[in-house]
């Protein structure tokens, strides 16, 4: 989080709301949790969703994650091209 910019009288209400948001997102009904298996792919808009990973015990399991970022316009264009039926008739 970047430093808070704004009027001084907004600082206290902001941090109260920020604390409440943290509490709400830790509530079970606010979460969607699932386990990935090798070969799974998860795609999400990084500006529209809050995401994270839970802890794990490396003595009991291993975890290997890879990530990449893409420009949203490029991704939409590519998806549309995959869905377009360009096969000869």
PDB file of N, CA and C in Angstrom:
ATOM      1  N   UNK A   1       0.850  -1.171   0.000  1.00  0.00           N
ATOM      2  CA  UNK A   1       0.000   0.000   0.000  1.00  0.00           C
ATOM      3  C   UNK A   1       0.895   1.232   0.000  1.00  0.00           C
ATOM      4  N   UNK A   2       0.558   2.168  -0.811  1.00  0.00           N
ATOM      5  CA  UNK A   2       1.301   3.425  -0.876  1.00  0.00           C
ATOM      6  C   UNK A   2       0.935   4.297   0.322  1.00  0.00           C
ATOM      7  N   UNK A   3       1.764   5.285   0.592  1.00  0.00           N
ATOM      8  CA  UNK A   3       1.409   6.204   1.687  1.00  0.00           C
ATOM      9  C   UNK A   3       0.054   6.860   1.420  1.00  0.00           C
ATOM     10  N   UNK A   4      -0.703   7.059   2.475  1.00  0.00           N
ATOM     11  CA  UNK A   4      -2.022   7.667   2.365  1.00  0.00           C
ATOM     12  C   UNK A   4      -1.879   9.142   2.027  1.00  0.00           C
ATOM     13  N   UNK A   5      -2.592   9.554   0.996  1.00  0.00           N
ATOM     14  CA  UNK A   5      -2.608  10.977   0.630  1.00  0.00           C
ATOM     15  C   UNK A   5      -4.032  11.477   0.768  1.00  0.00           C
ATOM     16  N   UNK A   6      -4.185  12.578   1.411  1.00  0.00           N
ATOM     17  CA  UNK A   6      -5.519  13.137   1.588  1.00  0.00           C
ATOM     18  C   UNK A   6      -5.548  14.028   2.808  1.00  0.00           C
ATOM     19  N   UNK A   7      -6.709  14.531   3.100  1.00  0.00           N
ATOM     20  CA  UNK A   7      -6.824  15.424   4.261  1.00  0.00           C
ATOM     21  C   UNK A   7      -6.581  14.678   5.569  1.00  0.00           C
ATOM     22  N   UNK A   8      -6.033  15.384   6.529  1.00  0.00           N
ATOM     23  CA  UNK A   8      -5.688  14.780   7.818  1.00  0.00           C
ATOM     24  C   UNK A   8      -6.900  14.166   8.503  1.00  0.00           C
ATOM     25  N   UNK A   9      -8.069  14.771   8.323  1.00  0.00           N
ATOM     26  CA  UNK A   9      -9.254  14.235   9.010  1.00  0.00           C
ATOM     27  C   UNK A   9      -9.774  12.947   8.363  1.00  0.00           C
ATOM     28  N   UNK A  10      -9.182  12.527   7.257  1.00  0.00           N
ATOM     29  CA  UNK A  10      -9.582  11.281   6.602  1.00  0.00           C
ATOM     30  C   UNK A  10      -8.710  10.099   7.027  1.00  0.00           C
ATOM     31  N   UNK A  11      -7.608  10.376   7.721  1.00  0.00           N
ATOM     32  CA  UNK A  11      -6.663   9.316   8.082  1.00  0.00           C
ATOM     33  C   UNK A  11      -7.291   8.297   9.023  1.00  0.00           C
ATOM     34  N   UNK A  12      -7.875   8.743  10.119  1.00  0.00           N
ATOM     35  CA  UNK A  12      -8.464   7.826  11.099  1.00  0.00           C
ATOM     36  C   UNK A  12      -9.598   7.001  10.483  1.00  0.00           C
ATOM     37  N   UNK A  13     -10.567   7.617   9.779  1.00  0.00           N
ATOM     38  CA  UNK A  13     -11.618   6.803   9.162  1.00  0.00           C
ATOM     39  C   UNK A  13     -11.077   5.811   8.122  1.00  0.00           C
ATOM     40  N   UNK A  14     -10.037   6.214   7.400  1.00  0.00           N
ATOM     41  CA  UNK A  14      -9.460   5.301   6.422  1.00  0.00           C
ATOM     42  C   UNK A  14      -8.914   4.060   7.097  1.00  0.00           C
ATOM     43  N   UNK A  15      -8.109   4.239   8.134  1.00  0.00           N
ATOM     44  CA  UNK A  15      -7.502   3.078   8.791  1.00  0.00           C
ATOM     45  C   UNK A  15      -8.531   2.223   9.526  1.00  0.00           C
ATOM     46  N   UNK A  16      -9.617   2.824   9.988  1.00  0.00           N
ATOM     47  CA  UNK A  16     -10.692   2.030  10.583  1.00  0.00           C
ATOM     48  C   UNK A  16     -11.346   1.163   9.508  1.00  0.00           C
ATOM     49  N   UNK A  17     -11.597   1.743   8.341  1.00  0.00           N
ATOM     50  CA  UNK A  17     -12.186   0.985   7.234  1.00  0.00           C
ATOM     51  C   UNK A  17     -11.215  -0.078   6.729  1.00  0.00           C
ATOM     52  N   UNK A  18      -9.940   0.260   6.691  1.00  0.00           N
ATOM     53  CA  UNK A  18      -8.908  -0.681   6.240  1.00  0.00           C
ATOM     54  C   UNK A  18      -8.839  -1.892   7.172  1.00  0.00           C
ATOM     55  N   UNK A  19      -8.922  -1.645   8.453  1.00  0.00           N
ATOM     56  CA  UNK A  19      -8.925  -2.728   9.438  1.00  0.00           C
ATOM     57  C   UNK A  19     -10.171  -3.598   9.267  1.00  0.00           C
ATOM     58  N   UNK A  20     -11.326  -2.972   9.071  1.00  0.00           N
ATOM     59  CA  UNK A  20     -12.567  -3.713   8.869  1.00  0.00           C
ATOM     60  C   UNK A  20     -12.486  -4.575   7.606  1.00  0.00           C
ATOM     61  N   UNK A  21     -11.923  -4.020   6.532  1.00  0.00           N
ATOM     62  CA  UNK A  21     -11.769  -4.803   5.307  1.00  0.00           C
ATOM     63  C   UNK A  21     -10.895  -6.033   5.559  1.00  0.00           C
ATOM     64  N   UNK A  22      -9.798  -5.857   6.291  1.00  0.00           N
ATOM     65  CA  UNK A  22      -8.939  -6.992   6.625  1.00  0.00           C
ATOM     66  C   UNK A  22      -9.667  -8.058   7.416  1.00  0.00           C
ATOM     67  N   UNK A  23     -10.504  -7.644   8.341  1.00  0.00           N
ATOM     68  CA  UNK A  23     -11.288  -8.600   9.125  1.00  0.00           C
ATOM     69  C   UNK A  23     -12.297  -9.331   8.244  1.00  0.00           C
ATOM     70  N   UNK A  24     -12.981  -8.585   7.373  1.00  0.00           N
ATOM     71  CA  UNK A  24     -13.992  -9.181   6.493  1.00  0.00           C
ATOM     72  C   UNK A  24     -13.388 -10.191   5.533  1.00  0.00           C
ATOM     73  N   UNK A  25     -12.229  -9.878   4.982  1.00  0.00           N
ATOM     74  CA  UNK A  25     -11.660 -10.797   3.993  1.00  0.00           C
ATOM     75  C   UNK A  25     -11.082 -12.054   4.643  1.00  0.00           C
ATOM     76  N   UNK A  26     -10.914 -12.050   5.946  1.00  0.00           N
ATOM     77  CA  UNK A  26     -10.465 -13.261   6.631  1.00  0.00           C
ATOM     78  C   UNK A  26     -11.627 -14.144   7.073  1.00  0.00           C
ATOM     79  N   UNK A  27     -12.852 -13.630   6.961  1.00  0.00           N
ATOM     80  CA  UNK A  27     -14.021 -14.433   7.291  1.00  0.00           C
ATOM     81  C   UNK A  27     -14.195 -15.520   6.233  1.00  0.00           C
ATOM     82  N   UNK A  28     -14.544 -16.711   6.690  1.00  0.00           N
ATOM     83  CA  UNK A  28     -14.649 -17.860   5.787  1.00  0.00           C
ATOM     84  C   UNK A  28     -15.631 -17.614   4.640  1.00  0.00           C
ATOM     85  N   UNK A  29     -16.747 -16.961   4.922  1.00  0.00           N
ATOM     86  CA  UNK A  29     -17.739 -16.740   3.863  1.00  0.00           C
ATOM     87  C   UNK A  29     -17.279 -15.721   2.820  1.00  0.00           C
ATOM     88  N   UNK A  30     -16.195 -15.025   3.081  1.00  0.00           N
ATOM     89  CA  UNK A  30     -15.649 -14.068   2.110  1.00  0.00           C
ATOM     90  C   UNK A  30     -14.589 -14.698   1.215  1.00  0.00           C
ATOM     91  N   UNK A  31     -14.272 -15.949   1.452  1.00  0.00           N
ATOM     92  CA  UNK A  31     -13.169 -16.591   0.736  1.00  0.00           C
ATOM     93  C   UNK A  31     -13.650 -17.690  -0.196  1.00  0.00           C
ATOM     94  N   UNK A  32     -12.891 -17.863  -1.246  1.00  0.00           N
ATOM     95  CA  UNK A  32     -13.074 -18.979  -2.165  1.00  0.00           C
ATOM     96  C   UNK A  32     -11.747 -19.708  -2.184  1.00  0.00           C
ATOM     97  N   UNK A  33     -11.710 -20.923  -1.684  1.00  0.00           N
ATOM     98  CA  UNK A  33     -10.459 -21.673  -1.582  1.00  0.00           C
ATOM     99  C   UNK A  33     -10.564 -22.964  -2.375  1.00  0.00           C
ATOM    100  N   UNK A  34      -9.482 -23.343  -3.000  1.00  0.00           N
ATOM    101  CA  UNK A  34      -9.442 -24.597  -3.757  1.00  0.00           C
ATOM    102  C   UNK A  34      -7.999 -25.051  -3.859  1.00  0.00           C
ATOM    103  N   UNK A  35      -7.826 -26.331  -4.138  1.00  0.00           N
ATOM    104  CA  UNK A  35      -6.494 -26.911  -4.314  1.00  0.00           C
ATOM    105  C   UNK A  35      -6.224 -27.094  -5.799  1.00  0.00           C
ATOM    106  N   UNK A  36      -5.041 -26.738  -6.209  1.00  0.00           N
ATOM    107  CA  UNK A  36      -4.619 -26.955  -7.587  1.00  0.00           C
ATOM    108  C   UNK A  36      -3.900 -28.293  -7.678  1.00  0.00           C
ATOM    109  N   UNK A  37      -4.002 -28.904  -8.827  1.00  0.00           N
ATOM    110  CA  UNK A  37      -3.246 -30.119  -9.106  1.00  0.00           C
ATOM    111  C   UNK A  37      -2.332 -29.827 -10.291  1.00  0.00           C
ATOM    112  N   UNK A  38      -1.264 -30.604 -10.471  1.00  0.00           N
ATOM    113  CA  UNK A  38      -0.358 -30.344 -11.589  1.00  0.00           C
ATOM    114  C   UNK A  38      -1.109 -30.215 -12.907  1.00  0.00           C
ATOM    115  N   UNK A  39      -0.792 -29.160 -13.637  1.00  0.00           N
ATOM    116  CA  UNK A  39      -1.440 -28.891 -14.916  1.00  0.00           C
ATOM    117  C   UNK A  39      -2.555 -27.864 -14.835  1.00  0.00           C
ATOM    118  N   UNK A  40      -3.020 -27.531 -13.624  1.00  0.00           N
ATOM    119  CA  UNK A  40      -4.071 -26.529 -13.473  1.00  0.00           C
ATOM    120  C   UNK A  40      -3.534 -25.145 -13.820  1.00  0.00           C
ATOM    121  N   UNK A  41      -4.423 -24.325 -14.332  1.00  0.00           N
ATOM    122  CA  UNK A  41      -4.104 -22.947 -14.685  1.00  0.00           C
ATOM    123  C   UNK A  41      -5.160 -22.055 -14.060  1.00  0.00           C
ATOM    124  N   UNK A  42      -4.727 -21.006 -13.415  1.00  0.00           N
ATOM    125  CA  UNK A  42      -5.638 -20.029 -12.838  1.00  0.00           C
ATOM    126  C   UNK A  42      -5.324 -18.689 -13.480  1.00  0.00           C
ATOM    127  N   UNK A  43      -6.368 -18.031 -13.987  1.00  0.00           N
ATOM    128  CA  UNK A  43      -6.210 -16.725 -14.625  1.00  0.00           C
ATOM    129  C   UNK A  43      -7.160 -15.760 -13.945  1.00  0.00           C
ATOM    130  N   UNK A  44      -6.664 -14.590 -13.607  1.00  0.00           N
ATOM    131  CA  UNK A  44      -7.535 -13.582 -13.003  1.00  0.00           C
ATOM    132  C   UNK A  44      -6.996 -12.208 -13.321  1.00  0.00           C
ATOM    133  N   UNK A  45      -7.886 -11.229 -13.257  1.00  0.00           N
ATOM    134  CA  UNK A  45      -7.511  -9.833 -13.460  1.00  0.00           C
ATOM    135  C   UNK A  45      -6.931  -9.331 -12.146  1.00  0.00           C
ATOM    136  N   UNK A  46      -5.658  -9.060 -12.153  1.00  0.00           N
ATOM    137  CA  UNK A  46      -4.943  -8.682 -10.935  1.00  0.00           C
ATOM    138  C   UNK A  46      -5.435  -7.360 -10.347  1.00  0.00           C
ATOM    139  N   UNK A  47      -6.141  -6.565 -11.136  1.00  0.00           N
ATOM    140  CA  UNK A  47      -6.666  -5.293 -10.639  1.00  0.00           C
ATOM    141  C   UNK A  47      -8.088  -5.422 -10.109  1.00  0.00           C
ATOM    142  N   UNK A  48      -8.684  -6.591 -10.256  1.00  0.00           N
ATOM    143  CA  UNK A  48     -10.084  -6.756  -9.885  1.00  0.00           C
ATOM    144  C   UNK A  48     -10.312  -7.783  -8.779  1.00  0.00           C
ATOM    145  N   UNK A  49      -9.278  -8.505  -8.398  1.00  0.00           N
ATOM    146  CA  UNK A  49      -9.468  -9.578  -7.422  1.00  0.00           C
ATOM    147  C   UNK A  49      -8.310  -9.578  -6.429  1.00  0.00           C
ATOM    148  N   UNK A  50      -8.645  -9.806  -5.199  1.00  0.00           N
ATOM    149  CA  UNK A  50      -7.628  -9.950  -4.159  1.00  0.00           C
ATOM    150  C   UNK A  50      -7.330 -11.432  -4.041  1.00  0.00           C
ATOM    151  N   UNK A  51      -6.088 -11.799  -4.138  1.00  0.00           N
ATOM    152  CA  UNK A  51      -5.752 -13.216  -4.137  1.00  0.00           C
ATOM    153  C   UNK A  51      -4.562 -13.482  -3.234  1.00  0.00           C
ATOM    154  N   UNK A  52      -4.416 -14.714  -2.865  1.00  0.00           N
ATOM    155  CA  UNK A  52      -3.307 -15.096  -2.007  1.00  0.00           C
ATOM    156  C   UNK A  52      -3.209 -16.601  -1.920  1.00  0.00           C
ATOM    157  N   UNK A  53      -2.236 -17.048  -1.175  1.00  0.00           N
ATOM    158  CA  UNK A  53      -2.033 -18.486  -0.971  1.00  0.00           C
ATOM    159  C   UNK A  53      -1.983 -18.744   0.523  1.00  0.00           C
ATOM    160  N   UNK A  54      -2.393 -19.927   0.895  1.00  0.00           N
ATOM    161  CA  UNK A  54      -2.319 -20.314   2.295  1.00  0.00           C
ATOM    162  C   UNK A  54      -0.949 -20.928   2.577  1.00  0.00           C
ATOM    163  N   UNK A  55      -0.656 -21.096   3.838  1.00  0.00           N
ATOM    164  CA  UNK A  55       0.618 -21.705   4.212  1.00  0.00           C
ATOM    165  C   UNK A  55       0.574 -23.206   3.959  1.00  0.00           C
ATOM    166  N   UNK A  56       1.743 -23.801   3.950  1.00  0.00           N
ATOM    167  CA  UNK A  56       1.820 -25.250   3.804  1.00  0.00           C
ATOM    168  C   UNK A  56       3.077 -25.731   4.518  1.00  0.00           C
ATOM    169  N   UNK A  57       3.119 -27.026   4.785  1.00  0.00           N
ATOM    170  CA  UNK A  57       4.260 -27.628   5.455  1.00  0.00           C
ATOM    171  C   UNK A  57       5.140 -28.285   4.394  1.00  0.00           C
ATOM    172  N   UNK A  58       6.323 -27.726   4.101  1.00  0.00           N
ATOM    173  CA  UNK A  58       7.175 -28.288   3.054  1.00  0.00           C
ATOM    174  C   UNK A  58       7.701 -29.684   3.378  1.00  0.00           C
ATOM    175  N   UNK A  59       7.568 -30.129   4.646  1.00  0.00           N
ATOM    176  CA  UNK A  59       7.961 -31.498   4.996  1.00  0.00           C
ATOM    177  C   UNK A  59       6.915 -32.504   4.542  1.00  0.00           C
ATOM    178  N   UNK A  60       5.685 -32.018   4.284  1.00  0.00           N
ATOM    179  CA  UNK A  60       4.599 -32.906   3.895  1.00  0.00           C
ATOM    180  C   UNK A  60       4.254 -32.820   2.411  1.00  0.00           C
ATOM    181  N   UNK A  61       4.602 -31.714   1.780  1.00  0.00           N
ATOM    182  CA  UNK A  61       4.259 -31.533   0.370  1.00  0.00           C
ATOM    183  C   UNK A  61       5.208 -30.525  -0.259  1.00  0.00           C
ATOM    184  N   UNK A  62       5.256 -30.531  -1.567  1.00  0.00           N
ATOM    185  CA  UNK A  62       6.050 -29.527  -2.257  1.00  0.00           C
ATOM    186  C   UNK A  62       5.105 -28.624  -3.033  1.00  0.00           C
ATOM    187  N   UNK A  63       5.590 -27.445  -3.344  1.00  0.00           N
ATOM    188  CA  UNK A  63       4.763 -26.499  -4.088  1.00  0.00           C
ATOM    189  C   UNK A  63       5.661 -25.760  -5.069  1.00  0.00           C
ATOM    190  N   UNK A  64       5.223 -25.747  -6.308  1.00  0.00           N
ATOM    191  CA  UNK A  64       5.945 -25.025  -7.358  1.00  0.00           C
ATOM    192  C   UNK A  64       4.923 -24.187  -8.121  1.00  0.00           C
ATOM    193  N   UNK A  65       5.069 -22.894  -8.060  1.00  0.00           N
ATOM    194  CA  UNK A  65       4.146 -21.996  -8.750  1.00  0.00           C
ATOM    195  C   UNK A  65       4.928 -21.150  -9.747  1.00  0.00           C
ATOM    196  N   UNK A  66       4.313 -20.900 -10.880  1.00  0.00           N
ATOM    197  CA  UNK A  66       4.887 -19.987 -11.861  1.00  0.00           C
ATOM    198  C   UNK A  66       3.848 -18.949 -12.192  1.00  0.00           C
ATOM    199  N   UNK A  67       4.276 -17.738 -12.421  1.00  0.00           N
ATOM    200  CA  UNK A  67       3.336 -16.679 -12.738  1.00  0.00           C
ATOM    201  C   UNK A  67       3.806 -15.858 -13.910  1.00  0.00           C
ATOM    202  N   UNK A  68       2.878 -15.191 -14.508  1.00  0.00           N
ATOM    203  CA  UNK A  68       3.208 -14.254 -15.578  1.00  0.00           C
ATOM    204  C   UNK A  68       2.135 -13.175 -15.610  1.00  0.00           C
ATOM    205  N   UNK A  69       2.441 -12.097 -16.254  1.00  0.00           N
ATOM    206  CA  UNK A  69       1.513 -10.990 -16.374  1.00  0.00           C
ATOM    207  C   UNK A  69       1.286 -10.706 -17.840  1.00  0.00           C
ATOM    208  N   UNK A  70       0.090 -10.275 -18.182  1.00  0.00           N
ATOM    209  CA  UNK A  70      -0.219  -9.934 -19.563  1.00  0.00           C
ATOM    210  C   UNK A  70      -1.061  -8.685 -19.624  1.00  0.00           C
ATOM    211  N   UNK A  71      -0.942  -7.969 -20.717  1.00  0.00           N
ATOM    212  CA  UNK A  71      -1.746  -6.794 -20.962  1.00  0.00           C
ATOM    213  C   UNK A  71      -3.179  -7.250 -21.251  1.00  0.00           C
ATOM    214  N   UNK A  72      -4.163  -6.665 -20.578  1.00  0.00           N
ATOM    215  CA  UNK A  72      -5.544  -7.137 -20.688  1.00  0.00           C
ATOM    216  C   UNK A  72      -6.066  -7.047 -22.118  1.00  0.00           C
ATOM    217  N   UNK A  73      -5.721  -6.006 -22.848  1.00  0.00           N
ATOM    218  CA  UNK A  73      -6.197  -5.883 -24.230  1.00  0.00           C
ATOM    219  C   UNK A  73      -5.620  -6.984 -25.115  1.00  0.00           C
ATOM    220  N   UNK A  74      -4.371  -7.315 -24.906  1.00  0.00           N
ATOM    221  CA  UNK A  74      -3.735  -8.390 -25.677  1.00  0.00           C
ATOM    222  C   UNK A  74      -4.393  -9.732 -25.355  1.00  0.00           C
ATOM    223  N   UNK A  75      -4.674  -9.967 -24.098  1.00  0.00           N
ATOM    224  CA  UNK A  75      -5.292 -11.231 -23.698  1.00  0.00           C
ATOM    225  C   UNK A  75      -6.691 -11.359 -24.301  1.00  0.00           C
ATOM    226  N   UNK A  76      -7.477 -10.298 -24.245  1.00  0.00           N
ATOM    227  CA  UNK A  76      -8.833 -10.331 -24.816  1.00  0.00           C
ATOM    228  C   UNK A  76      -8.766 -10.582 -26.315  1.00  0.00           C
ATOM    229  N   UNK A  77      -7.853  -9.909 -27.005  1.00  0.00           N
ATOM    230  CA  UNK A  77      -7.706 -10.101 -28.451  1.00  0.00           C
ATOM    231  C   UNK A  77      -7.342 -11.544 -28.777  1.00  0.00           C
ATOM    232  N   UNK A  78      -6.409 -12.108 -28.034  1.00  0.00           N
ATOM    233  CA  UNK A  78      -6.009 -13.501 -28.270  1.00  0.00           C
ATOM    234  C   UNK A  78      -7.156 -14.468 -28.001  1.00  0.00           C
ATOM    235  N   UNK A  79      -7.890 -14.243 -26.920  1.00  0.00           N
ATOM    236  CA  UNK A  79      -9.028 -15.121 -26.613  1.00  0.00           C
ATOM    237  C   UNK A  79     -10.065 -15.058 -27.721  1.00  0.00           C
ATOM    238  N   UNK A  80     -10.349 -13.863 -28.218  1.00  0.00           N
ATOM    239  CA  UNK A  80     -11.319 -13.731 -29.307  1.00  0.00           C
ATOM    240  C   UNK A  80     -10.834 -14.454 -30.557  1.00  0.00           C
ATOM    241  N   UNK A  81      -9.528 -14.394 -30.824  1.00  0.00           N
ATOM    242  CA  UNK A  81      -9.007 -15.073 -32.014  1.00  0.00           C
ATOM    243  C   UNK A  81      -9.096 -16.590 -31.858  1.00  0.00           C
ATOM    244  N   UNK A  82      -8.957 -17.111 -30.639  1.00  0.00           N
ATOM    245  CA  UNK A  82      -9.093 -18.551 -30.420  1.00  0.00           C
ATOM    246  C   UNK A  82     -10.539 -19.009 -30.624  1.00  0.00           C
ATOM    247  N   UNK A  83     -11.480 -18.132 -30.287  1.00  0.00           N
ATOM    248  CA  UNK A  83     -12.895 -18.486 -30.383  1.00  0.00           C
ATOM    249  C   UNK A  83     -13.455 -18.302 -31.796  1.00  0.00           C
ATOM    250  N   UNK A  84     -12.772 -17.519 -32.597  1.00  0.00           N
ATOM    251  CA  UNK A  84     -13.236 -17.267 -33.960  1.00  0.00           C
ATOM    252  C   UNK A  84     -13.066 -18.514 -34.798  1.00  0.00           C
ATOM    253  N   UNK A  85     -14.034 -18.823 -35.612  1.00  0.00           N
ATOM    254  CA  UNK A  85     -13.969 -20.009 -36.466  1.00  0.00           C
ATOM    255  C   UNK A  85     -13.431 -19.595 -37.839  1.00  0.00           C
ATOM    256  N   UNK A  86     -12.131 -19.793 -38.044  1.00  0.00           N
ATOM    257  CA  UNK A  86     -11.489 -19.432 -39.300  1.00  0.00           C
ATOM    258  C   UNK A  86     -11.221 -20.643 -40.180  1.00  0.00           C
ATOM    259  N   UNK A  87     -11.827 -21.767 -39.854  1.00  0.00           N
ATOM    260  CA  UNK A  87     -11.560 -22.972 -40.653  1.00  0.00           C
ATOM    261  C   UNK A  87     -12.237 -22.847 -42.010  1.00  0.00           C
ATOM    262  N   UNK A  88     -11.577 -23.307 -43.085  1.00  0.00           N
ATOM    263  CA  UNK A  88     -12.172 -23.232 -44.433  1.00  0.00           C
ATOM    264  C   UNK A  88     -13.438 -24.068 -44.501  1.00  0.00           C
ATOM    265  N   UNK A  89     -14.406 -23.571 -45.224  1.00  0.00           N
ATOM    266  CA  UNK A  89     -15.686 -24.278 -45.387  1.00  0.00           C
ATOM    267  C   UNK A  89     -15.727 -25.015 -46.700  1.00  0.00           C
TER     268      UNK A  89
END
